[in-house]
């Protein structure tokens, strides 16, 4: 930020501009590579897949616990993709493209604050060198989209000639749209409101403070009102209640189920120590110059301080939450370098700080490359295999939502809070009710189901059989001349299959009656015996499974290292 008369960068030398451009281009290329290659966090499946409910009961039989503006954005991936895997990868590419828009907004904000082109590019590069930004900005979650609208709101304030009603209302609309994407955008809303109001208050212009707050609130309410009317139908107040009170409580209070997340604050500070020191010291210097700074710079400074405080003090500081603050603190990253150049009379000291900064930026590339080892190959293999096992009208369950184009009997999201809730409620839990009253054809197994296995074991054992790593299907493994109990979860036609999924010709005995599959079985306990044929066979719902089954144990590391390298 241009806060001193002397800069550590010369004015737009072509060689430096080319170097910065290439450095940024490499980082952007890595974002797209990450989007295609890197392992998915559980939340990504759920948030990307939520768009499938728009035509399947959303706001009717399915009441979302928070705003679902993000689902409108990811609906595009559902329209472009032709199967589950393609929807996931298109969603990732879509978010990577959004990241490019975010970088352009950061550049535009820096320019609007008075930075030269070269320095604005360097600010963008500093942002790209934060590990949290590079490792989270492409993920199919709500935060990248909300951040885009928050930056757009700030840019409207910065680019307006005067802070009149029109510009503040437009900024309020953009800020309101961010809130409709994720409840955490209450942080953006508060930061922008305080920036506008506190700046006027500190100048003792209290009328202006009230007017600004009013215009911002009016703008914020317009998209919220439209959201309630569009999705609420004849009862918009029901949508409004869930939109305001539930999300704000989650964003502000968090949950006791997430003890230990403060470690992620330490993680980001350790991984990006030099960059944080640059940004935080730049903000401190800017605070000291607050009264002599231009109006809009004061507003952005207040915004940056507030959003940083809220993000780092939040009770659920997951690694992806930090991207909400990083673009704004990066705007101040050059200020301490300018300060050193202006106030330090020792060239060796200037060289030292510039060298440390350059090494921090350079080392981030090696850190990024080390992240490539966390691939999504096995995740996508399970997604592809599970999708092939299910017809479009058949349901699955995993408590995660790994298949964006197949429905589940419930939207139950088995995060740690619901895991603990399920363990407390036992057979009164939603998970138990789903598996016993509306059982799915396929269950995708992960550590989340392992955590609640003690509750659902009775509904799973002897009702579902493993047909591939992490995949269970309604059915039972039968052995020749051995009696086996099969608690049929779904009424329907059943057939015998080999371990590879090929149909098997054999006879079975069901409750004392010899039958030749395919047969119709009603739900309930059955005593079965494989009378002839191979040594073992799988009794499963009738379907085409050839080549879809695979031997092997569950992959317990399916979601391992998604927050660590």
Protein backbone atom coordinates (compact mmCIF):
# COMPACT_ATOMS: atom_id res chain seq x y z
CA UNK A 1 0.00 0.00 0.00
CA UNK A 2 1.36 3.34 -1.01
CA UNK A 3 1.97 4.82 2.40
CA UNK A 4 5.41 6.31 1.97
CA UNK A 5 7.18 8.52 -0.52
CA UNK A 6 9.73 5.85 -1.40
CA UNK A 7 9.09 2.31 -2.62
CA UNK A 8 11.36 -0.72 -2.58
CA UNK A 9 10.29 -1.53 -6.17
CA UNK A 10 11.34 0.64 -9.13
CA UNK A 11 8.63 1.89 -11.45
CA UNK A 12 7.47 -0.94 -13.68
CA UNK A 13 10.74 -2.37 -15.09
CA UNK A 14 9.88 -4.81 -17.87
CA UNK A 15 12.06 -7.60 -16.51
CA UNK A 16 10.46 -7.49 -13.05
CA UNK A 17 6.98 -7.29 -14.55
CA UNK A 18 7.72 -10.37 -16.66
CA UNK A 19 9.10 -12.24 -13.64
CA UNK A 20 6.05 -11.43 -11.53
CA UNK A 21 3.71 -12.36 -14.36
CA UNK A 22 5.40 -15.73 -14.82
CA UNK A 23 5.40 -16.36 -11.06
CA UNK A 24 1.69 -15.63 -10.80
CA UNK A 25 0.94 -17.70 -13.92
CA UNK A 26 2.72 -20.69 -12.38
CA UNK A 27 0.70 -20.34 -9.18
CA UNK A 28 -2.55 -20.11 -11.14
CA UNK A 29 -1.57 -23.20 -13.14
CA UNK A 30 -0.96 -25.01 -9.85
CA UNK A 31 -4.45 -24.05 -8.66
CA UNK A 32 -5.96 -25.81 -11.67
CA UNK A 33 -3.67 -28.82 -11.20
CA UNK A 34 -4.68 -28.99 -7.55
CA UNK A 35 -8.34 -28.73 -8.49
CA UNK A 36 -8.04 -31.74 -10.79
CA UNK A 37 -5.69 -33.84 -8.69
CA UNK A 38 -5.92 -33.12 -4.96
CA UNK A 39 -7.90 -35.26 -2.51
CA UNK A 40 -11.35 -33.98 -1.62
CA UNK A 41 -12.41 -32.94 1.85
CA UNK A 42 -15.68 -34.51 2.99
CA UNK A 43 -17.42 -31.13 2.96
CA UNK A 44 -16.72 -30.70 -0.74
CA UNK A 45 -18.87 -33.68 -1.69
CA UNK A 46 -21.80 -32.45 0.37
CA UNK A 47 -21.73 -28.82 -0.75
CA UNK A 48 -21.20 -29.67 -4.41
CA UNK A 49 -23.93 -32.29 -4.31
CA UNK A 50 -26.52 -30.13 -2.56
CA UNK A 51 -27.63 -28.73 -5.91
CA UNK A 52 -29.28 -32.07 -6.73
CA UNK A 53 -32.04 -31.28 -4.24
CA UNK A 54 -33.35 -28.25 -6.16
CA UNK A 55 -35.68 -30.51 -8.12
CA UNK A 56 -36.04 -33.05 -5.34
CA UNK A 57 -37.78 -31.40 -2.39
CA UNK A 58 -35.48 -28.54 -1.39
CA UNK A 59 -37.45 -26.04 0.78
CA UNK A 60 -40.41 -28.42 0.55
CA UNK A 61 -39.70 -31.76 2.22
CA UNK A 62 -36.04 -30.81 2.76
CA UNK A 63 -35.43 -27.77 4.95
CA UNK A 64 -31.78 -26.66 4.72
CA UNK A 65 -30.24 -25.65 8.06
CA UNK A 66 -28.47 -22.69 6.47
CA UNK A 67 -28.38 -20.56 3.33
CA UNK A 68 -27.80 -22.54 0.14
CA UNK A 69 -26.74 -19.85 -2.32
CA UNK A 70 -23.62 -21.90 -2.97
CA UNK A 71 -25.81 -24.67 -4.42
CA UNK A 72 -27.05 -22.31 -7.14
CA UNK A 73 -23.43 -21.75 -8.19
CA UNK A 74 -22.58 -25.45 -8.23
CA UNK A 75 -25.75 -26.31 -10.15
CA UNK A 76 -23.74 -25.39 -13.24
CA UNK A 77 -21.40 -28.32 -12.61
CA UNK A 78 -24.44 -30.61 -12.49
CA UNK A 79 -25.65 -29.25 -15.82
CA UNK A 80 -22.25 -29.65 -17.50
CA UNK A 81 -21.17 -32.96 -15.96
CA UNK A 82 -22.39 -36.25 -17.41
CA UNK A 83 -21.63 -38.52 -14.44
CA UNK A 84 -20.62 -38.28 -10.80
CA UNK A 85 -16.88 -38.00 -11.43
CA UNK A 86 -17.27 -35.36 -14.14
CA UNK A 87 -19.59 -33.30 -11.92
CA UNK A 88 -16.96 -33.32 -9.17
CA UNK A 89 -14.12 -32.33 -11.51
CA UNK A 90 -16.19 -29.71 -13.33
CA UNK A 91 -17.12 -28.26 -9.94
CA UNK A 92 -13.45 -28.09 -9.01
CA UNK A 93 -12.56 -26.41 -12.33
CA UNK A 94 -15.45 -24.01 -11.85
CA UNK A 95 -14.10 -23.00 -8.43
CA UNK A 96 -10.57 -22.67 -9.84
CA UNK A 97 -11.91 -20.25 -12.45
CA UNK A 98 -13.64 -18.38 -9.64
CA UNK A 99 -10.24 -18.16 -7.93
CA UNK A 100 -8.92 -16.32 -11.00
CA UNK A 101 -11.75 -13.83 -10.60
CA UNK A 102 -10.85 -13.45 -6.94
CA UNK A 103 -7.24 -12.65 -7.86
CA UNK A 104 -8.41 -10.03 -10.35
CA UNK A 105 -10.53 -8.43 -7.63
CA UNK A 106 -7.54 -8.33 -5.26
CA UNK A 107 -5.47 -6.69 -7.99
CA UNK A 108 -8.26 -4.18 -8.66
CA UNK A 109 -8.56 -3.38 -4.94
CA UNK A 110 -4.82 -2.76 -4.71
CA UNK A 111 -4.95 -0.46 -7.74
CA UNK A 112 -7.95 1.38 -6.29
CA UNK A 113 -5.94 1.95 -3.11
CA UNK A 114 -3.30 3.75 -5.16
CA UNK A 115 -0.79 1.00 -5.80
CA UNK A 116 1.11 0.92 -9.09
CA UNK A 117 0.60 -1.99 -11.47
CA UNK A 118 3.82 -3.77 -10.52
CA UNK A 119 3.19 -3.49 -6.79
CA UNK A 120 -0.39 -4.67 -7.24
CA UNK A 121 0.91 -7.77 -9.01
CA UNK A 122 3.30 -8.37 -6.13
CA UNK A 123 0.41 -8.15 -3.66
CA UNK A 124 -1.41 -10.83 -5.68
CA UNK A 125 1.72 -12.99 -5.60
CA UNK A 126 2.02 -12.60 -1.83
CA UNK A 127 -1.56 -13.83 -1.50
CA UNK A 128 -0.80 -16.82 -3.73
CA UNK A 129 2.17 -17.74 -1.55
CA UNK A 130 -0.04 -18.38 1.51
CA UNK A 131 -0.40 -22.14 1.81
CA UNK A 132 -4.00 -21.87 3.03
CA UNK A 133 -5.01 -19.88 -0.02
CA UNK A 134 -3.37 -22.22 -2.54
CA UNK A 135 -4.63 -25.36 -0.83
CA UNK A 136 -8.24 -24.21 -0.23
CA UNK A 137 -9.29 -21.68 -2.87
CA UNK A 138 -10.15 -24.35 -5.48
CA UNK A 139 -12.27 -26.52 -3.19
CA UNK A 140 -15.98 -26.93 -3.86
CA UNK A 141 -17.09 -25.19 -0.71
CA UNK A 142 -19.03 -22.02 -0.07
CA UNK A 143 -16.17 -19.85 1.22
CA UNK A 144 -14.45 -19.18 -2.16
CA UNK A 145 -17.72 -17.91 -3.64
CA UNK A 146 -18.57 -15.81 -0.58
CA UNK A 147 -15.07 -14.32 -0.65
CA UNK A 148 -15.57 -13.30 -4.28
CA UNK A 149 -18.70 -11.30 -3.42
CA UNK A 150 -17.08 -9.77 -0.33
CA UNK A 151 -14.13 -8.55 -2.40
CA UNK A 152 -16.53 -7.19 -5.00
CA UNK A 153 -18.35 -5.26 -2.26
CA UNK A 154 -15.09 -3.74 -1.03
CA UNK A 155 -14.08 -2.86 -4.59
CA UNK A 156 -17.37 -1.01 -5.14
CA UNK A 157 -16.58 1.14 -2.10
CA UNK A 158 -13.03 1.77 -3.29
CA UNK A 159 -13.94 2.60 -6.90
CA UNK A 160 -16.83 4.95 -6.12
CA UNK A 161 -16.01 8.62 -6.59
CA UNK A 162 -18.05 9.50 -3.53
CA UNK A 163 -19.60 7.20 -0.96
CA UNK A 164 -23.17 7.98 -1.88
CA UNK A 165 -26.34 5.97 -1.40
CA UNK A 166 -25.98 4.16 -4.72
CA UNK A 167 -22.48 2.80 -4.10
CA UNK A 168 -23.19 1.76 -0.51
CA UNK A 169 -26.45 0.02 -1.47
CA UNK A 170 -24.66 -1.87 -4.27
CA UNK A 171 -21.95 -2.90 -1.80
CA UNK A 172 -24.69 -3.98 0.58
CA UNK A 173 -26.31 -6.11 -2.13
CA UNK A 174 -23.01 -7.86 -2.84
CA UNK A 175 -22.40 -8.32 0.88
CA UNK A 176 -25.90 -9.73 1.26
CA UNK A 177 -25.28 -12.18 -1.57
CA UNK A 178 -22.19 -13.38 0.28
CA UNK A 179 -24.37 -14.07 3.32
CA UNK A 180 -26.77 -16.11 1.20
CA UNK A 181 -23.83 -18.33 0.26
CA UNK A 182 -22.53 -19.11 3.75
CA UNK A 183 -23.42 -18.08 7.28
CA UNK A 184 -19.78 -17.20 7.91
CA UNK A 185 -20.29 -14.17 5.68
CA UNK A 186 -21.78 -12.51 8.74
CA UNK A 187 -18.10 -11.74 9.35
CA UNK A 188 -17.85 -9.91 6.00
CA UNK A 189 -21.10 -8.08 6.67
CA UNK A 190 -19.95 -6.92 10.10
CA UNK A 191 -16.50 -5.92 8.85
CA UNK A 192 -17.90 -3.83 6.01
CA UNK A 193 -20.50 -2.22 8.24
CA UNK A 194 -17.93 -1.33 10.89
CA UNK A 195 -15.56 0.00 8.24
CA UNK A 196 -18.15 2.41 6.89
CA UNK A 197 -19.68 3.40 10.22
CA UNK A 198 -16.53 3.63 12.35
CA UNK A 199 -14.73 5.79 9.81
CA UNK A 200 -17.52 8.35 9.97
CA UNK A 201 -17.84 8.01 13.75
CA UNK A 202 -14.13 8.62 14.34
CA UNK A 203 -14.51 11.82 12.33
CA UNK A 204 -17.41 12.70 14.66
CA UNK A 205 -19.79 12.70 11.70
CA UNK A 206 -22.48 10.71 13.48
CA UNK A 207 -25.24 11.50 11.01
CA UNK A 208 -23.09 10.14 8.20
CA UNK A 209 -22.40 7.00 10.24
CA UNK A 210 -26.13 6.38 10.68
CA UNK A 211 -26.86 7.07 7.01
CA UNK A 212 -24.13 4.71 5.84
CA UNK A 213 -25.35 1.97 8.13
CA UNK A 214 -28.90 2.46 6.86
CA UNK A 215 -27.95 2.30 3.18
CA UNK A 216 -25.77 -0.77 3.72
CA UNK A 217 -28.59 -2.53 5.57
CA UNK A 218 -31.05 -1.69 2.79
CA UNK A 219 -28.70 -3.16 0.21
CA UNK A 220 -28.07 -6.25 2.34
CA UNK A 221 -31.79 -6.86 2.77
CA UNK A 222 -32.63 -6.81 -0.94
CA UNK A 223 -31.03 -10.17 -1.87
CA UNK A 224 -32.14 -11.66 1.46
CA UNK A 225 -35.73 -10.63 0.74
CA UNK A 226 -35.55 -12.04 -2.78
CA UNK A 227 -34.15 -15.31 -1.40
CA UNK A 228 -37.01 -15.65 1.08
CA UNK A 229 -39.66 -14.87 -1.52
CA UNK A 230 -38.21 -17.18 -4.18
CA UNK A 231 -37.69 -20.18 -1.92
CA UNK A 232 -40.33 -19.48 0.71
CA UNK A 233 -43.35 -19.37 -1.55
CA UNK A 234 -46.38 -18.50 0.56
CA UNK A 235 -44.36 -18.70 3.78
CA UNK A 236 -41.22 -16.53 3.34
CA UNK A 237 -40.95 -15.91 7.09
CA UNK A 238 -40.07 -19.58 7.60
CA UNK A 239 -37.09 -19.16 5.27
CA UNK A 240 -36.12 -15.85 6.87
CA UNK A 241 -36.05 -17.36 10.34
CA UNK A 242 -33.74 -20.16 9.28
CA UNK A 243 -31.64 -17.78 7.21
CA UNK A 244 -30.93 -15.30 9.99
CA UNK A 245 -31.00 -16.94 13.39
CA UNK A 246 -29.63 -20.41 12.71
CA UNK A 247 -26.62 -19.37 10.59
CA UNK A 248 -25.61 -16.44 12.79
CA UNK A 249 -25.60 -18.69 15.84
CA UNK A 250 -23.42 -21.25 14.07
CA UNK A 251 -21.01 -18.63 12.78
CA UNK A 252 -20.62 -16.85 16.10
CA UNK A 253 -20.80 -19.67 18.62
CA UNK A 254 -19.51 -22.72 16.78
CA UNK A 255 -19.84 -26.04 18.56
CA UNK A 256 -18.30 -27.82 21.50
CA UNK A 257 -17.86 -30.82 19.22
CA UNK A 258 -14.83 -29.20 17.61
CA UNK A 259 -12.36 -28.87 20.43
CA UNK A 260 -8.78 -28.83 19.20
CA UNK A 261 -9.33 -26.83 16.03
CA UNK A 262 -7.17 -24.02 17.40
CA UNK A 263 -4.25 -26.14 16.21
CA UNK A 264 -5.08 -25.01 12.68
CA UNK A 265 -4.41 -21.41 13.69
CA UNK A 266 -0.94 -22.41 14.83
CA UNK A 267 -0.50 -24.44 11.65
CA UNK A 268 -1.17 -21.53 9.31
CA UNK A 269 0.97 -19.15 11.38
CA UNK A 270 3.91 -21.57 11.34
CA UNK A 271 3.57 -22.41 7.65
CA UNK A 272 3.39 -18.74 6.63
CA UNK A 273 5.33 -16.96 9.36
CA UNK A 274 7.17 -14.44 7.18
CA UNK A 275 4.08 -13.58 5.15
CA UNK A 276 1.95 -13.05 8.25
CA UNK A 277 4.67 -10.87 9.78
CA UNK A 278 4.69 -8.75 6.64
CA UNK A 279 0.92 -8.35 6.54
CA UNK A 280 0.35 -7.84 10.26
CA UNK A 281 3.21 -5.35 10.61
CA UNK A 282 1.86 -3.53 7.56
CA UNK A 283 -1.53 -3.24 9.23
CA UNK A 284 0.10 -1.96 12.43
CA UNK A 285 1.98 0.71 10.48
CA UNK A 286 -1.25 1.66 8.72
CA UNK A 287 -3.04 1.98 12.06
CA UNK A 288 -0.37 4.43 13.23
CA UNK A 289 -1.03 6.50 10.10
CA UNK A 290 -4.79 6.13 10.37
CA UNK A 291 -5.70 9.79 10.88
CA UNK A 292 -3.63 11.00 7.92
CA UNK A 293 -4.76 8.24 5.57
CA UNK A 294 -7.39 8.75 2.84
CA UNK A 295 -10.97 7.88 3.72
CA UNK A 296 -11.26 4.70 1.68
CA UNK A 297 -7.95 3.39 2.91
CA UNK A 298 -9.22 3.84 6.47
CA UNK A 299 -12.39 1.90 5.64
CA UNK A 300 -10.43 -1.00 4.12
CA UNK A 301 -8.04 -1.00 7.08
CA UNK A 302 -10.93 -1.30 9.54
CA UNK A 303 -12.44 -4.03 7.36
CA UNK A 304 -9.12 -5.91 7.32
CA UNK A 305 -8.67 -5.65 11.08
CA UNK A 306 -12.22 -6.80 11.82
CA UNK A 307 -12.31 -9.74 9.40
CA UNK A 308 -8.88 -10.92 10.58
CA UNK A 309 -9.93 -10.78 14.22
CA UNK A 310 -13.20 -12.61 13.57
CA UNK A 311 -11.60 -15.34 11.47
CA UNK A 312 -8.72 -16.05 13.83
CA UNK A 313 -10.95 -15.88 16.93
CA UNK A 314 -13.68 -18.09 15.46
CA UNK A 315 -14.41 -21.24 17.44
CA UNK A 316 -14.20 -23.40 14.30
CA UNK A 317 -11.03 -22.21 12.52
CA UNK A 318 -10.88 -24.90 9.84
CA UNK A 319 -8.03 -24.31 7.35
CA UNK A 320 -10.40 -23.14 4.61
CA UNK A 321 -11.81 -20.36 6.82
CA UNK A 322 -8.55 -18.40 6.65
CA UNK A 323 -9.05 -17.64 2.95
CA UNK A 324 -11.76 -15.22 4.11
CA UNK A 325 -9.09 -12.95 5.62
CA UNK A 326 -5.96 -13.55 3.53
CA UNK A 327 -6.83 -11.35 0.51
CA UNK A 328 -7.53 -8.39 2.77
CA UNK A 329 -4.41 -8.65 4.89
CA UNK A 330 -2.31 -9.15 1.74
CA UNK A 331 -3.22 -5.62 0.68
CA UNK A 332 -0.90 -4.37 3.45
CA UNK A 333 2.03 -6.70 2.75
CA UNK A 334 4.25 -4.11 1.03
CA UNK A 335 3.86 -1.41 3.68
CA UNK A 336 6.61 -2.71 6.02
CA UNK A 337 9.06 -3.06 3.11
CA UNK A 338 8.41 0.56 2.17
CA UNK A 339 8.87 1.53 5.81
CA UNK A 340 12.24 -0.24 6.04
CA UNK A 341 13.43 1.36 2.81
CA UNK A 342 12.43 4.81 4.04
CA UNK A 343 13.57 4.62 7.66
CA UNK A 344 16.55 2.28 7.64
CA UNK A 345 19.88 3.89 6.87
CA UNK A 346 21.70 0.55 6.71
CA UNK A 347 21.67 -1.09 3.26
CA UNK A 348 22.55 -4.47 4.78
CA UNK A 349 19.36 -4.39 6.85
CA UNK A 350 17.26 -3.60 3.79
CA UNK A 351 18.92 -6.43 1.88
CA UNK A 352 18.28 -8.82 4.77
CA UNK A 353 14.53 -8.17 4.88
CA UNK A 354 14.19 -8.28 1.10
CA UNK A 355 16.10 -11.57 0.98
CA UNK A 356 13.94 -13.13 3.70
CA UNK A 357 10.81 -12.02 1.85
CA UNK A 358 12.06 -13.38 -1.47
CA UNK A 359 12.98 -16.72 0.10
CA UNK A 360 9.54 -16.98 1.72
CA UNK A 361 7.87 -16.42 -1.64
CA UNK A 362 10.17 -18.86 -3.42
CA UNK A 363 9.86 -21.60 -0.80
CA UNK A 364 6.09 -21.59 -1.19
CA UNK A 365 6.48 -23.18 -4.64
CA UNK A 366 8.30 -26.16 -3.15
CA UNK A 367 5.62 -26.43 -0.47
CA UNK A 368 2.95 -26.44 -3.19
CA UNK A 369 4.71 -29.22 -5.07
CA UNK A 370 4.81 -31.36 -1.93
CA UNK A 371 1.01 -31.11 -1.76
CA UNK A 372 0.65 -33.02 -5.02
CA UNK A 373 1.20 -36.35 -3.28
CA UNK A 374 -2.28 -36.11 -1.74
CA UNK A 375 -4.24 -37.34 -4.77
CA UNK A 376 -7.92 -38.11 -5.29
CA UNK A 377 -7.52 -41.25 -7.43
CA UNK A 378 -8.99 -43.69 -4.92
CA UNK A 379 -11.80 -41.33 -3.96
CA UNK A 380 -12.90 -40.94 -7.57
CA UNK A 381 -12.59 -44.68 -8.16
CA UNK A 382 -15.05 -45.33 -5.34
CA UNK A 383 -17.38 -42.62 -6.67
CA UNK A 384 -17.31 -44.10 -10.17
CA UNK A 385 -17.83 -47.67 -8.97
CA UNK A 386 -20.65 -46.75 -6.58
CA UNK A 387 -22.45 -44.74 -9.25
CA UNK A 388 -22.34 -47.72 -11.62
CA UNK A 389 -23.92 -49.92 -8.94
CA UNK A 390 -26.91 -47.59 -8.58
CA UNK A 391 -29.69 -46.86 -11.01
CA UNK A 392 -30.76 -43.19 -11.13
CA UNK A 393 -33.75 -43.86 -8.87
CA UNK A 394 -31.85 -45.98 -6.33
CA UNK A 395 -30.48 -44.50 -3.12
CA UNK A 396 -27.28 -44.72 -1.14
CA UNK A 397 -26.10 -43.56 2.28
CA UNK A 398 -22.75 -42.43 3.61
CA UNK A 399 -23.38 -39.35 5.77
CA UNK A 400 -21.09 -37.43 3.42
CA UNK A 401 -22.82 -37.17 0.05
CA UNK A 402 -20.07 -38.57 -2.18
CA UNK A 403 -22.36 -39.09 -5.18
CA UNK A 404 -23.58 -35.69 -6.44
CA UNK A 405 -26.04 -37.24 -8.90
CA UNK A 406 -27.67 -39.90 -6.72
CA UNK A 407 -30.19 -39.27 -3.96
CA UNK A 408 -29.93 -40.31 -0.34
CA UNK A 409 -32.77 -41.25 2.00
CA UNK A 410 -31.68 -38.36 4.22
CA UNK A 411 -29.54 -35.23 4.11
CA UNK A 412 -27.96 -36.27 7.42
CA UNK A 413 -24.46 -34.80 7.55
CA UNK A 414 -22.31 -36.88 9.87
CA UNK A 415 -19.85 -34.27 11.03
CA UNK A 416 -18.43 -34.63 14.51
CA UNK A 417 -21.41 -32.90 16.11
CA UNK A 418 -23.87 -35.32 14.53
CA UNK A 419 -21.61 -38.27 15.26
CA UNK A 420 -21.77 -37.41 18.96
CA UNK A 421 -25.51 -36.78 18.68
CA UNK A 422 -26.00 -40.19 17.04
CA UNK A 423 -24.00 -41.92 19.75
CA UNK A 424 -26.13 -40.22 22.42
CA UNK A 425 -29.46 -41.03 20.78
CA UNK A 426 -28.72 -44.62 19.77
CA UNK A 427 -31.77 -46.21 18.14
CA UNK A 428 -33.56 -42.91 18.35
CA UNK A 429 -31.00 -41.32 16.03
CA UNK A 430 -31.66 -40.32 12.45
CA UNK A 431 -28.98 -42.70 11.19
CA UNK A 432 -30.72 -45.67 12.80
CA UNK A 433 -34.11 -44.56 11.49
CA UNK A 434 -32.76 -44.25 7.96
CA UNK A 435 -31.13 -47.67 7.90
CA UNK A 436 -34.15 -49.43 9.37
CA UNK A 437 -37.10 -47.53 7.88
CA UNK A 438 -35.83 -46.36 4.47
CA UNK A 439 -32.74 -48.51 3.86
CA UNK A 440 -30.53 -47.63 0.88
CA UNK A 441 -29.28 -50.09 -1.69
CA UNK A 442 -25.64 -49.07 -1.25
CA UNK A 443 -23.65 -47.79 1.72
CA UNK A 444 -20.33 -46.03 1.19
CA UNK A 445 -18.13 -46.69 4.19
CA UNK A 446 -15.78 -44.18 5.77
CA UNK A 447 -14.42 -43.37 9.20
CA UNK A 448 -17.62 -41.43 9.92
CA UNK A 449 -19.68 -44.61 9.78
CA UNK A 450 -16.98 -46.44 11.71
CA UNK A 451 -17.47 -43.92 14.52
CA UNK A 452 -21.19 -44.72 14.79
CA UNK A 453 -20.91 -48.44 14.03
CA UNK A 454 -21.87 -49.34 17.59
CA UNK A 455 -25.25 -47.70 16.95
CA UNK A 456 -25.95 -48.98 13.43
CA UNK A 457 -24.30 -52.43 13.64
CA UNK A 458 -27.60 -54.25 14.10
CA UNK A 459 -28.99 -52.60 10.96
CA UNK A 460 -25.85 -53.31 8.91
CA UNK A 461 -24.67 -56.77 9.92
CA UNK A 462 -26.28 -59.61 7.92
CA UNK A 463 -28.07 -57.02 5.78
CA UNK A 464 -25.24 -55.51 3.74
CA UNK A 465 -22.23 -57.21 2.19
CA UNK A 466 -18.96 -55.67 1.05
CA UNK A 467 -18.60 -55.81 -2.75
CA UNK A 468 -15.60 -53.49 -3.06
CA UNK A 469 -13.38 -51.46 -0.73
CA UNK A 470 -15.55 -48.93 1.12
CA UNK A 471 -18.72 -50.13 -0.65
CA UNK A 472 -21.49 -52.23 0.93
CA UNK A 473 -24.57 -53.42 -0.93
CA UNK A 474 -27.84 -54.82 0.33
CA UNK A 475 -27.21 -58.55 0.27
CA UNK A 476 -25.42 -61.48 1.87
CA UNK A 477 -22.51 -63.78 1.08
CA UNK A 478 -23.73 -67.39 0.88
CA UNK A 479 -21.65 -70.56 1.25
CA UNK A 480 -22.41 -74.01 -0.13
CA UNK A 481 -24.29 -76.14 2.39
CA UNK A 482 -23.84 -73.55 5.14
CA UNK A 483 -26.80 -71.88 6.80
CA UNK A 484 -26.62 -68.08 6.72
CA UNK A 485 -28.96 -65.47 8.16
CA UNK A 486 -29.91 -62.71 5.73
CA UNK A 487 -31.84 -59.76 7.16
CA UNK A 488 -33.27 -58.50 3.87
CA UNK A 489 -33.29 -54.67 4.03
CA UNK A 490 -35.12 -54.05 0.75
CA UNK A 491 -38.04 -55.90 -0.79
CA UNK A 492 -37.30 -56.82 -4.41
CA UNK A 493 -35.81 -59.25 -6.92
CA UNK A 494 -32.54 -60.87 -5.86
CA UNK A 495 -29.99 -62.77 -7.93
CA UNK A 496 -26.77 -64.69 -7.25
CA UNK A 497 -23.47 -63.15 -8.35
CA UNK A 498 -19.82 -64.10 -8.25
CA UNK A 499 -17.14 -62.10 -6.46
CA UNK A 500 -16.52 -60.24 -9.74
CA UNK A 501 -20.17 -59.33 -10.28
CA UNK A 502 -21.03 -61.90 -12.93
CA UNK A 503 -24.39 -63.72 -12.58
CA UNK A 504 -24.21 -67.24 -11.09
CA UNK A 505 -26.52 -70.16 -11.90
CA UNK A 506 -27.30 -72.04 -8.71
CA UNK A 507 -30.09 -72.89 -6.30
CA UNK A 508 -30.64 -71.59 -2.79
CA UNK A 509 -32.82 -72.57 0.11
CA UNK A 510 -34.79 -69.75 1.70
CA UNK A 511 -36.61 -70.60 4.93
CA UNK A 512 -36.77 -74.27 3.93
CA UNK A 513 -37.86 -73.72 0.33
CA UNK A 514 -35.55 -74.50 -2.59
CA UNK A 515 -35.55 -71.69 -5.14
CA UNK A 516 -33.74 -70.77 -8.34
CA UNK A 517 -32.83 -67.07 -8.54
CA UNK A 518 -33.81 -64.51 -9.56
CA UNK A 519 -36.32 -64.55 -6.73
CA UNK A 520 -38.45 -61.98 -4.95
CA UNK A 521 -37.61 -61.48 -1.29
CA UNK A 522 -39.62 -59.43 1.17
CA UNK A 523 -37.87 -57.37 3.82
CA UNK A 524 -37.12 -59.24 7.01
CA UNK A 525 -35.06 -62.07 8.47
CA UNK A 526 -34.41 -65.05 6.17
CA UNK A 527 -32.47 -68.28 6.69
CA UNK A 528 -30.57 -69.08 3.51
CA UNK A 529 -28.35 -71.90 2.21
CA UNK A 530 -26.48 -72.08 -1.09
CA UNK A 531 -27.40 -75.54 -2.39
CA UNK A 532 -24.99 -75.88 -5.31
CA UNK A 533 -22.76 -73.96 -7.68
CA UNK A 534 -19.58 -72.19 -6.55
CA UNK A 535 -18.25 -72.36 -3.00
CA UNK A 536 -19.50 -68.84 -2.34
CA UNK A 537 -21.92 -66.48 -4.05
CA UNK A 538 -23.38 -63.08 -3.36
CA UNK A 539 -27.15 -62.73 -3.06
CA UNK A 540 -27.86 -59.17 -4.21
CA UNK A 541 -30.60 -57.01 -5.72
CA UNK A 542 -30.89 -57.90 -9.38
CA UNK A 543 -28.74 -55.72 -11.61
CA UNK A 544 -25.79 -55.54 -14.00
CA UNK A 545 -22.60 -55.70 -11.92
CA UNK A 546 -20.07 -57.51 -14.13
CA UNK A 547 -16.60 -56.12 -13.49
CA UNK A 548 -17.80 -53.71 -10.81
CA UNK A 549 -16.85 -55.73 -7.74
CA UNK A 550 -13.36 -55.67 -6.29
CA UNK A 551 -11.69 -57.57 -3.50
CA UNK A 552 -9.79 -55.74 -0.81
CA UNK A 553 -10.06 -54.09 2.58
CA UNK A 554 -11.56 -50.67 3.14
CA UNK A 555 -9.26 -47.74 2.52
CA UNK A 556 -9.08 -46.15 5.94
CA UNK A 557 -7.04 -43.26 4.56
CA UNK A 558 -9.70 -42.14 2.10
CA UNK A 559 -9.75 -38.67 3.63
CA UNK A 560 -6.33 -38.71 5.29
CA UNK A 561 -4.01 -35.68 5.19
CA UNK A 562 -6.57 -33.34 3.65
CA UNK A 563 -5.55 -30.71 6.20
CA UNK A 564 -1.90 -31.68 6.47
CA UNK A 565 0.81 -32.29 3.91
